[in-house]
PDB file of N, CA and C in Angstrom:
ATOM      1  N   MET A   1      18.035 -15.404  16.540  1.00  0.00           N
ATOM      2  CA  MET A   1      17.638 -14.085  16.069  1.00  0.00           C
ATOM      3  C   MET A   1      16.112 -14.060  15.921  1.00  0.00           C
ATOM      4  N   PRO A   2      15.448 -13.075  16.516  1.00  0.00           N
ATOM      5  CA  PRO A   2      13.986 -13.014  16.428  1.00  0.00           C
ATOM      6  C   PRO A   2      13.544 -12.699  14.995  1.00  0.00           C
ATOM      7  N   PRO A   3      12.348 -13.144  14.615  1.00  0.00           N
ATOM      8  CA  PRO A   3      11.874 -12.881  13.255  1.00  0.00           C
ATOM      9  C   PRO A   3      11.640 -11.392  13.023  1.00  0.00           C
ATOM     10  N   ARG A   4      11.802 -10.960  11.778  1.00  0.00           N
ATOM     11  CA  ARG A   4      11.556  -9.571  11.395  1.00  0.00           C
ATOM     12  C   ARG A   4      10.175  -9.500  10.767  1.00  0.00           C
ATOM     13  N   TYR A   5       9.380  -8.558  11.206  1.00  0.00           N
ATOM     14  CA  TYR A   5       8.056  -8.369  10.656  1.00  0.00           C
ATOM     15  C   TYR A   5       8.007  -7.060   9.905  1.00  0.00           C
ATOM     16  N   THR A   6       7.271  -7.044   8.801  1.00  0.00           N
ATOM     17  CA  THR A   6       7.141  -5.819   8.023  1.00  0.00           C
ATOM     18  C   THR A   6       6.239  -4.839   8.768  1.00  0.00           C
ATOM     19  N   ASP A   7       6.373  -3.565   8.434  1.00  0.00           N
ATOM     20  CA  ASP A   7       5.500  -2.549   9.038  1.00  0.00           C
ATOM     21  C   ASP A   7       4.044  -2.842   8.690  1.00  0.00           C
ATOM     22  N   GLU A   8       3.809  -3.354   7.496  1.00  0.00           N
ATOM     23  CA  GLU A   8       2.448  -3.679   7.081  1.00  0.00           C
ATOM     24  C   GLU A   8       1.847  -4.747   8.004  1.00  0.00           C
ATOM     25  N   PHE A   9       2.631  -5.780   8.321  1.00  0.00           N
ATOM     26  CA  PHE A   9       2.169  -6.832   9.230  1.00  0.00           C
ATOM     27  C   PHE A   9       1.881  -6.243  10.601  1.00  0.00           C
ATOM     28  N   LYS A  10       2.787  -5.394  11.080  1.00  0.00           N
ATOM     29  CA  LYS A  10       2.626  -4.796  12.401  1.00  0.00           C
ATOM     30  C   LYS A  10       1.360  -3.937  12.457  1.00  0.00           C
ATOM     31  N   ILE A  11       1.133  -3.157  11.419  1.00  0.00           N
ATOM     32  CA  ILE A  11      -0.041  -2.286  11.373  1.00  0.00           C
ATOM     33  C   ILE A  11      -1.317  -3.114  11.381  1.00  0.00           C
ATOM     34  N   GLU A  12      -1.336  -4.197  10.618  1.00  0.00           N
ATOM     35  CA  GLU A  12      -2.512  -5.061  10.595  1.00  0.00           C
ATOM     36  C   GLU A  12      -2.735  -5.721  11.960  1.00  0.00           C
ATOM     37  N   ALA A  13      -1.647  -6.097  12.636  1.00  0.00           N
ATOM     38  CA  ALA A  13      -1.759  -6.671  13.976  1.00  0.00           C
ATOM     39  C   ALA A  13      -2.336  -5.641  14.944  1.00  0.00           C
ATOM     40  N   VAL A  14      -1.870  -4.420  14.847  1.00  0.00           N
ATOM     41  CA  VAL A  14      -2.373  -3.337  15.707  1.00  0.00           C
ATOM     42  C   VAL A  14      -3.857  -3.099  15.446  1.00  0.00           C
ATOM     43  N   LYS A  15      -4.267  -3.147  14.187  1.00  0.00           N
ATOM     44  CA  LYS A  15      -5.680  -2.952  13.847  1.00  0.00           C
ATOM     45  C   LYS A  15      -6.559  -4.034  14.462  1.00  0.00           C
ATOM     46  N   GLN A  16      -6.025  -5.252  14.573  1.00  0.00           N
ATOM     47  CA  GLN A  16      -6.793  -6.327  15.197  1.00  0.00           C
ATOM     48  C   GLN A  16      -7.183  -5.951  16.625  1.00  0.00           C
ATOM     49  N   VAL A  17      -6.307  -5.247  17.303  1.00  0.00           N
ATOM     50  CA  VAL A  17      -6.564  -4.848  18.686  1.00  0.00           C
ATOM     51  C   VAL A  17      -7.381  -3.562  18.735  1.00  0.00           C
ATOM     52  N   THR A  18      -6.939  -2.539  18.006  1.00  0.00           N
ATOM     53  CA  THR A  18      -7.550  -1.221  18.133  1.00  0.00           C
ATOM     54  C   THR A  18      -8.872  -1.085  17.394  1.00  0.00           C
ATOM     55  N   VAL A  19      -9.001  -1.710  16.242  1.00  0.00           N
ATOM     56  CA  VAL A  19     -10.216  -1.560  15.443  1.00  0.00           C
ATOM     57  C   VAL A  19     -11.207  -2.689  15.718  1.00  0.00           C
ATOM     58  N   ASN A  20     -10.694  -3.921  15.702  1.00  0.00           N
ATOM     59  CA  ASN A  20     -11.585  -5.076  15.845  1.00  0.00           C
ATOM     60  C   ASN A  20     -11.884  -5.430  17.295  1.00  0.00           C
ATOM     61  N   GLY A  21     -11.133  -4.870  18.236  1.00  0.00           N
ATOM     62  CA  GLY A  21     -11.423  -5.062  19.642  1.00  0.00           C
ATOM     63  C   GLY A  21     -10.935  -6.365  20.262  1.00  0.00           C
ATOM     64  N   TYR A  22     -10.036  -7.063  19.583  1.00  0.00           N
ATOM     65  CA  TYR A  22      -9.474  -8.278  20.168  1.00  0.00           C
ATOM     66  C   TYR A  22      -8.488  -7.899  21.268  1.00  0.00           C
ATOM     67  N   SER A  23      -8.289  -8.799  22.215  1.00  0.00           N
ATOM     68  CA  SER A  23      -7.334  -8.507  23.282  1.00  0.00           C
ATOM     69  C   SER A  23      -5.912  -8.632  22.747  1.00  0.00           C
ATOM     70  N   ILE A  24      -5.003  -7.959  23.422  1.00  0.00           N
ATOM     71  CA  ILE A  24      -3.601  -8.002  23.008  1.00  0.00           C
ATOM     72  C   ILE A  24      -3.077  -9.428  23.106  1.00  0.00           C
ATOM     73  N   LYS A  25      -3.383 -10.087  24.212  1.00  0.00           N
ATOM     74  CA  LYS A  25      -2.890 -11.446  24.429  1.00  0.00           C
ATOM     75  C   LYS A  25      -3.424 -12.403  23.362  1.00  0.00           C
ATOM     76  N   GLU A  26      -4.727 -12.316  23.101  1.00  0.00           N
ATOM     77  CA  GLU A  26      -5.353 -13.189  22.104  1.00  0.00           C
ATOM     78  C   GLU A  26      -4.750 -12.964  20.716  1.00  0.00           C
ATOM     79  N   THR A  27      -4.596 -11.718  20.355  1.00  0.00           N
ATOM     80  CA  THR A  27      -4.047 -11.384  19.045  1.00  0.00           C
ATOM     81  C   THR A  27      -2.607 -11.854  18.921  1.00  0.00           C
ATOM     82  N   ALA A  28      -1.813 -11.622  19.958  1.00  0.00           N
ATOM     83  CA  ALA A  28      -0.413 -12.045  19.937  1.00  0.00           C
ATOM     84  C   ALA A  28      -0.300 -13.557  19.787  1.00  0.00           C
ATOM     85  N   GLU A  29      -1.109 -14.292  20.521  1.00  0.00           N
ATOM     86  CA  GLU A  29      -1.074 -15.755  20.435  1.00  0.00           C
ATOM     87  C   GLU A  29      -1.487 -16.230  19.049  1.00  0.00           C
ATOM     88  N   ARG A  30      -2.558 -15.632  18.520  1.00  0.00           N
ATOM     89  CA  ARG A  30      -3.063 -16.035  17.209  1.00  0.00           C
ATOM     90  C   ARG A  30      -2.044 -15.769  16.110  1.00  0.00           C
ATOM     91  N   LEU A  31      -1.328 -14.656  16.216  1.00  0.00           N
ATOM     92  CA  LEU A  31      -0.347 -14.293  15.189  1.00  0.00           C
ATOM     93  C   LEU A  31       1.039 -14.872  15.457  1.00  0.00           C
ATOM     94  N   GLY A  32       1.222 -15.414  16.639  1.00  0.00           N
ATOM     95  CA  GLY A  32       2.523 -16.006  16.961  1.00  0.00           C
ATOM     96  C   GLY A  32       3.607 -14.980  17.247  1.00  0.00           C
ATOM     97  N   VAL A  33       3.209 -13.868  17.859  1.00  0.00           N
ATOM     98  CA  VAL A  33       4.184 -12.835  18.219  1.00  0.00           C
ATOM     99  C   VAL A  33       4.184 -12.650  19.736  1.00  0.00           C
ATOM    100  N   ASN A  34       5.218 -12.047  20.220  1.00  0.00           N
ATOM    101  CA  ASN A  34       5.351 -11.778  21.641  1.00  0.00           C
ATOM    102  C   ASN A  34       4.355 -10.686  22.054  1.00  0.00           C
ATOM    103  N   VAL A  35       3.742 -10.851  23.203  1.00  0.00           N
ATOM    104  CA  VAL A  35       2.759  -9.879  23.709  1.00  0.00           C
ATOM    105  C   VAL A  35       3.398  -8.497  23.849  1.00  0.00           C
ATOM    106  N   GLU A  36       4.613  -8.449  24.382  1.00  0.00           N
ATOM    107  CA  GLU A  36       5.285  -7.160  24.569  1.00  0.00           C
ATOM    108  C   GLU A  36       5.623  -6.507  23.227  1.00  0.00           C
ATOM    109  N   SER A  37       5.940  -7.322  22.230  1.00  0.00           N
ATOM    110  CA  SER A  37       6.193  -6.773  20.892  1.00  0.00           C
ATOM    111  C   SER A  37       4.931  -6.098  20.367  1.00  0.00           C
ATOM    112  N   LEU A  38       3.792  -6.787  20.523  1.00  0.00           N
ATOM    113  CA  LEU A  38       2.527  -6.218  20.054  1.00  0.00           C
ATOM    114  C   LEU A  38       2.199  -4.930  20.799  1.00  0.00           C
ATOM    115  N   ARG A  39       2.446  -4.904  22.101  1.00  0.00           N
ATOM    116  CA  ARG A  39       2.207  -3.670  22.875  1.00  0.00           C
ATOM    117  C   ARG A  39       3.060  -2.516  22.353  1.00  0.00           C
ATOM    118  N   SER A  40       4.319  -2.806  22.048  1.00  0.00           N
ATOM    119  CA  SER A  40       5.196  -1.739  21.547  1.00  0.00           C
ATOM    120  C   SER A  40       4.753  -1.282  20.157  1.00  0.00           C
ATOM    121  N   TRP A  41       4.254  -2.203  19.340  1.00  0.00           N
ATOM    122  CA  TRP A  41       3.746  -1.819  18.017  1.00  0.00           C
ATOM    123  C   TRP A  41       2.533  -0.910  18.159  1.00  0.00           C
ATOM    124  N   ILE A  42       1.672  -1.212  19.134  1.00  0.00           N
ATOM    125  CA  ILE A  42       0.491  -0.378  19.352  1.00  0.00           C
ATOM    126  C   ILE A  42       0.920   1.035  19.726  1.00  0.00           C
ATOM    127  N   LYS A  43       1.882   1.150  20.623  1.00  0.00           N
ATOM    128  CA  LYS A  43       2.372   2.474  21.018  1.00  0.00           C
ATOM    129  C   LYS A  43       2.977   3.205  19.829  1.00  0.00           C
ATOM    130  N   LYS A  44       3.721   2.472  19.027  1.00  0.00           N
ATOM    131  CA  LYS A  44       4.413   3.077  17.884  1.00  0.00           C
ATOM    132  C   LYS A  44       3.439   3.510  16.790  1.00  0.00           C
ATOM    133  N   PHE A  45       2.505   2.638  16.429  1.00  0.00           N
ATOM    134  CA  PHE A  45       1.656   2.899  15.268  1.00  0.00           C
ATOM    135  C   PHE A  45       0.346   3.603  15.592  1.00  0.00           C
ATOM    136  N   GLU A  46       0.023   3.766  16.844  1.00  0.00           N
ATOM    137  CA  GLU A  46      -1.208   4.449  17.189  1.00  0.00           C
ATOM    138  C   GLU A  46      -0.988   5.903  17.593  1.00  0.00           C
ATOM    139  N   SER A  47       0.241   6.363  17.526  1.00  0.00           N
ATOM    140  CA  SER A  47       0.495   7.770  17.828  1.00  0.00           C
ATOM    141  C   SER A  47      -0.070   8.629  16.690  1.00  0.00           C
ATOM    142  N   PRO A  48      -0.434   9.861  16.962  1.00  0.00           N
ATOM    143  CA  PRO A  48      -0.968  10.731  15.905  1.00  0.00           C
ATOM    144  C   PRO A  48       0.005  10.902  14.736  1.00  0.00           C
ATOM    145  N   GLU A  49       1.306  10.968  15.048  1.00  0.00           N
ATOM    146  CA  GLU A  49       2.302  11.130  13.987  1.00  0.00           C
ATOM    147  C   GLU A  49       2.330   9.904  13.084  1.00  0.00           C
ATOM    148  N   ALA A  50       2.238   8.717  13.690  1.00  0.00           N
ATOM    149  CA  ALA A  50       2.265   7.484  12.912  1.00  0.00           C
ATOM    150  C   ALA A  50       1.020   7.369  12.035  1.00  0.00           C
ATOM    151  N   ARG A  51      -0.122   7.744  12.586  1.00  0.00           N
ATOM    152  CA  ARG A  51      -1.354   7.698  11.800  1.00  0.00           C
ATOM    153  C   ARG A  51      -1.273   8.641  10.608  1.00  0.00           C
ATOM    154  N   GLU A  52      -0.741   9.844  10.845  1.00  0.00           N
ATOM    155  CA  GLU A  52      -0.617  10.813   9.760  1.00  0.00           C
ATOM    156  C   GLU A  52       0.346  10.302   8.690  1.00  0.00           C
ATOM    157  N   LYS A  53       1.473   9.753   9.119  1.00  0.00           N
ATOM    158  CA  LYS A  53       2.464   9.218   8.179  1.00  0.00           C
ATOM    159  C   LYS A  53       1.849   8.092   7.350  1.00  0.00           C
ATOM    160  N   TYR A  54       1.116   7.189   8.007  1.00  0.00           N
ATOM    161  CA  TYR A  54       0.486   6.068   7.306  1.00  0.00           C
ATOM    162  C   TYR A  54      -0.540   6.592   6.303  1.00  0.00           C
ATOM    163  N   SER A  55      -1.301   7.589   6.700  1.00  0.00           N
ATOM    164  CA  SER A  55      -2.305   8.171   5.819  1.00  0.00           C
ATOM    165  C   SER A  55      -1.646   8.796   4.591  1.00  0.00           C
ATOM    166  N   ILE A  56      -0.560   9.507   4.808  1.00  0.00           N
ATOM    167  CA  ILE A  56       0.167  10.137   3.702  1.00  0.00           C
ATOM    168  C   ILE A  56       0.721   9.070   2.764  1.00  0.00           C
ATOM    169  N   GLU A  57       1.276   7.995   3.335  1.00  0.00           N
ATOM    170  CA  GLU A  57       1.820   6.909   2.514  1.00  0.00           C
ATOM    171  C   GLU A  57       0.720   6.257   1.692  1.00  0.00           C
ATOM    172  N   GLN A  58      -0.444   6.042   2.302  1.00  0.00           N
ATOM    173  CA  GLN A  58      -1.563   5.426   1.585  1.00  0.00           C
ATOM    174  C   GLN A  58      -1.997   6.328   0.431  1.00  0.00           C
ATOM    175  N   SER A  59      -2.064   7.626   0.673  1.00  0.00           N
ATOM    176  CA  SER A  59      -2.454   8.572  -0.373  1.00  0.00           C
ATOM    177  C   SER A  59      -1.436   8.570  -1.502  1.00  0.00           C
ATOM    178  N   ALA A  60      -0.171   8.547  -1.140  1.00  0.00           N
ATOM    179  CA  ALA A  60       0.892   8.537  -2.147  1.00  0.00           C
ATOM    180  C   ALA A  60       0.832   7.255  -2.977  1.00  0.00           C
ATOM    181  N   ASN A  61       0.605   6.129  -2.336  1.00  0.00           N
ATOM    182  CA  ASN A  61       0.510   4.864  -3.059  1.00  0.00           C
ATOM    183  C   ASN A  61      -0.676   4.851  -4.012  1.00  0.00           C
ATOM    184  N   ALA A  62      -1.795   5.397  -3.576  1.00  0.00           N
ATOM    185  CA  ALA A  62      -2.978   5.471  -4.429  1.00  0.00           C
ATOM    186  C   ALA A  62      -2.701   6.369  -5.636  1.00  0.00           C
ATOM    187  N   GLU A  63      -2.022   7.469  -5.407  1.00  0.00           N
ATOM    188  CA  GLU A  63      -1.689   8.389  -6.505  1.00  0.00           C
ATOM    189  C   GLU A  63      -0.723   7.731  -7.484  1.00  0.00           C
ATOM    190  N   ILE A  64       0.235   6.987  -6.987  1.00  0.00           N
ATOM    191  CA  ILE A  64       1.182   6.278  -7.856  1.00  0.00           C
ATOM    192  C   ILE A  64       0.440   5.276  -8.731  1.00  0.00           C
ATOM    193  N   LYS A  65      -0.480   4.511  -8.143  1.00  0.00           N
ATOM    194  CA  LYS A  65      -1.251   3.541  -8.921  1.00  0.00           C
ATOM    195  C   LYS A  65      -2.083   4.232  -9.990  1.00  0.00           C
ATOM    196  N   ARG A  66      -2.705   5.357  -9.617  1.00  0.00           N
ATOM    197  CA  ARG A  66      -3.523   6.106 -10.579  1.00  0.00           C
ATOM    198  C   ARG A  66      -2.670   6.603 -11.739  1.00  0.00           C
ATOM    199  N   LEU A  67      -1.496   7.121 -11.416  1.00  0.00           N
ATOM    200  CA  LEU A  67      -0.605   7.634 -12.456  1.00  0.00           C
ATOM    201  C   LEU A  67      -0.063   6.517 -13.339  1.00  0.00           C
ATOM    202  N   GLN A  68       0.185   5.344 -12.771  1.00  0.00           N
ATOM    203  CA  GLN A  68       0.639   4.215 -13.579  1.00  0.00           C
ATOM    204  C   GLN A  68      -0.438   3.786 -14.568  1.00  0.00           C
ATOM    205  N   LYS A  69      -1.701   3.769 -14.128  1.00  0.00           N
ATOM    206  CA  LYS A  69      -2.801   3.430 -15.028  1.00  0.00           C
ATOM    207  C   LYS A  69      -2.909   4.462 -16.151  1.00  0.00           C
ATOM    208  N   GLU A  70      -2.806   5.722 -15.775  1.00  0.00           N
ATOM    209  CA  GLU A  70      -2.905   6.789 -16.762  1.00  0.00           C
ATOM    210  C   GLU A  70      -1.752   6.711 -17.754  1.00  0.00           C
ATOM    211  N   LEU A  71      -0.546   6.441 -17.279  1.00  0.00           N
ATOM    212  CA  LEU A  71       0.607   6.303 -18.167  1.00  0.00           C
ATOM    213  C   LEU A  71       0.392   5.163 -19.155  1.00  0.00           C
ATOM    214  N   LYS A  72      -0.133   4.051 -18.685  1.00  0.00           N
ATOM    215  CA  LYS A  72      -0.394   2.908 -19.558  1.00  0.00           C
ATOM    216  C   LYS A  72      -1.400   3.290 -20.640  1.00  0.00           C
ATOM    217  N   ARG A  73      -2.483   3.968 -20.229  1.00  0.00           N
ATOM    218  CA  ARG A  73      -3.512   4.379 -21.187  1.00  0.00           C
ATOM    219  C   ARG A  73      -2.943   5.338 -22.226  1.00  0.00           C
ATOM    220  N   VAL A  74      -2.188   6.328 -21.783  1.00  0.00           N
ATOM    221  CA  VAL A  74      -1.614   7.318 -22.689  1.00  0.00           C
ATOM    222  C   VAL A  74      -0.598   6.670 -23.631  1.00  0.00           C
ATOM    223  N   SER A  75       0.174   5.725 -23.123  1.00  0.00           N
ATOM    224  CA  SER A  75       1.144   5.018 -23.971  1.00  0.00           C
ATOM    225  C   SER A  75       0.431   4.213 -25.056  1.00  0.00           C
ATOM    226  N   GLU A  76      -0.673   3.566 -24.696  1.00  0.00           N
ATOM    227  CA  GLU A  76      -1.448   2.812 -25.679  1.00  0.00           C
ATOM    228  C   GLU A  76      -2.027   3.750 -26.739  1.00  0.00           C
ATOM    229  N   GLU A  77      -2.538   4.899 -26.304  1.00  0.00           N
ATOM    230  CA  GLU A  77      -3.080   5.880 -27.255  1.00  0.00           C
ATOM    231  C   GLU A  77      -1.988   6.379 -28.196  1.00  0.00           C
ATOM    232  N   ARG A  78      -0.805   6.638 -27.650  1.00  0.00           N
ATOM    233  CA  ARG A  78       0.321   7.091 -28.469  1.00  0.00           C
ATOM    234  C   ARG A  78       0.677   6.043 -29.521  1.00  0.00           C
ATOM    235  N   ASP A  79       0.712   4.776 -29.115  1.00  0.00           N
ATOM    236  CA  ASP A  79       1.045   3.708 -30.045  1.00  0.00           C
ATOM    237  C   ASP A  79       0.022   3.604 -31.169  1.00  0.00           C
ATOM    238  N   ILE A  80      -1.249   3.774 -30.835  1.00  0.00           N
ATOM    239  CA  ILE A  80      -2.305   3.748 -31.854  1.00  0.00           C
ATOM    240  C   ILE A  80      -2.120   4.906 -32.821  1.00  0.00           C
ATOM    241  N   LEU A  81      -1.837   6.082 -32.308  1.00  0.00           N
ATOM    242  CA  LEU A  81      -1.643   7.253 -33.171  1.00  0.00           C
ATOM    243  C   LEU A  81      -0.415   7.095 -34.066  1.00  0.00           C
ATOM    244  N   LYS A  82       0.650   6.476 -33.547  1.00  0.00           N
ATOM    245  CA  LYS A  82       1.845   6.224 -34.369  1.00  0.00           C
ATOM    246  C   LYS A  82       1.502   5.316 -35.543  1.00  0.00           C
ATOM    247  N   LYS A  83       0.741   4.267 -35.265  1.00  0.00           N
ATOM    248  CA  LYS A  83       0.350   3.333 -36.318  1.00  0.00           C
ATOM    249  C   LYS A  83      -0.541   4.020 -37.347  1.00  0.00           C
ATOM    250  N   ALA A  84      -1.465   4.850 -36.864  1.00  0.00           N
ATOM    251  CA  ALA A  84      -2.354   5.569 -37.779  1.00  0.00           C
ATOM    252  C   ALA A  84      -1.554   6.539 -38.640  1.00  0.00           C
ATOM    253  N   ALA A  85      -0.610   7.249 -38.044  1.00  0.00           N
ATOM    254  CA  ALA A  85       0.217   8.197 -38.806  1.00  0.00           C
ATOM    255  C   ALA A  85       1.042   7.457 -39.852  1.00  0.00           C
ATOM    256  N   ALA A  86       1.594   6.312 -39.501  1.00  0.00           N
ATOM    257  CA  ALA A  86       2.386   5.527 -40.453  1.00  0.00           C
ATOM    258  C   ALA A  86       1.496   5.034 -41.593  1.00  0.00           C
ATOM    259  N   TYR A  87       0.285   4.601 -41.268  1.00  0.00           N
ATOM    260  CA  TYR A  87      -0.631   4.119 -42.296  1.00  0.00           C
ATOM    261  C   TYR A  87      -0.970   5.239 -43.273  1.00  0.00           C
ATOM    262  N   PHE A  88      -1.368   6.418 -42.738  1.00  0.00           N
ATOM    263  CA  PHE A  88      -1.766   7.519 -43.619  1.00  0.00           C
ATOM    264  C   PHE A  88      -0.576   8.087 -44.392  1.00  0.00           C
ATOM    265  N   ALA A  89       0.622   7.982 -43.849  1.00  0.00           N
ATOM    266  CA  ALA A  89       1.818   8.455 -44.571  1.00  0.00           C
ATOM    267  C   ALA A  89       2.110   7.526 -45.749  1.00  0.00           C
ATOM    268  N   SER A  90       1.836   6.239 -45.611  1.00  0.00           N
ATOM    269  CA  SER A  90       2.117   5.301 -46.696  1.00  0.00           C
ATOM    270  C   SER A  90       0.978   5.217 -47.708  1.00  0.00           C
ATOM    271  N   HIS A  91      -0.184   5.726 -47.385  1.00  0.00           N
ATOM    272  CA  HIS A  91      -1.339   5.740 -48.287  1.00  0.00           C
ATOM    273  C   HIS A  91      -1.838   7.191 -48.434  1.00  0.00           C
ATOM    274  N   PRO A  92      -1.200   7.954 -49.347  1.00  0.00           N
ATOM    275  CA  PRO A  92      -1.525   9.390 -49.452  1.00  0.00           C
ATOM    276  C   PRO A  92      -2.996   9.660 -49.800  1.00  0.00           C
ATOM    277  N   ASN A  93      -3.636   8.883 -50.593  1.00  0.00           N
ATOM    278  CA  ASN A  93      -5.046   9.115 -50.934  1.00  0.00           C
ATOM    279  C   ASN A  93      -5.756   7.839 -51.070  1.00  0.00           C
TER     280      ASN A  93
END
C-alpha cells in the first residue's frame, strides 16, 4: 500500500516546485515521492479553485486562533472579576 501524505505535505511539495523553482524530478527525489504523484499534486493544488480554497482555509484558521486567544483573555478577565466580586461581597466596608 503506498504511503498517504497529508494535504499540507502535498502543498509544501508543490511550493518547492512552483515558488522556489526546483525541478519536479529533484523535488520528488529529495522528498521520496513518485514524480508522477508530484505532477498530479501540482495540477490539483495549483488550480485557481484550489488556491482560493487554501486561502479561505488559511483565513479561517487565523480567525480561529485569534478567537481562541480572545476567549482565553476574556475568561481570565471574568475569573478576576469573580474573585473581586467575592472579595467585596465578604468585606462590606
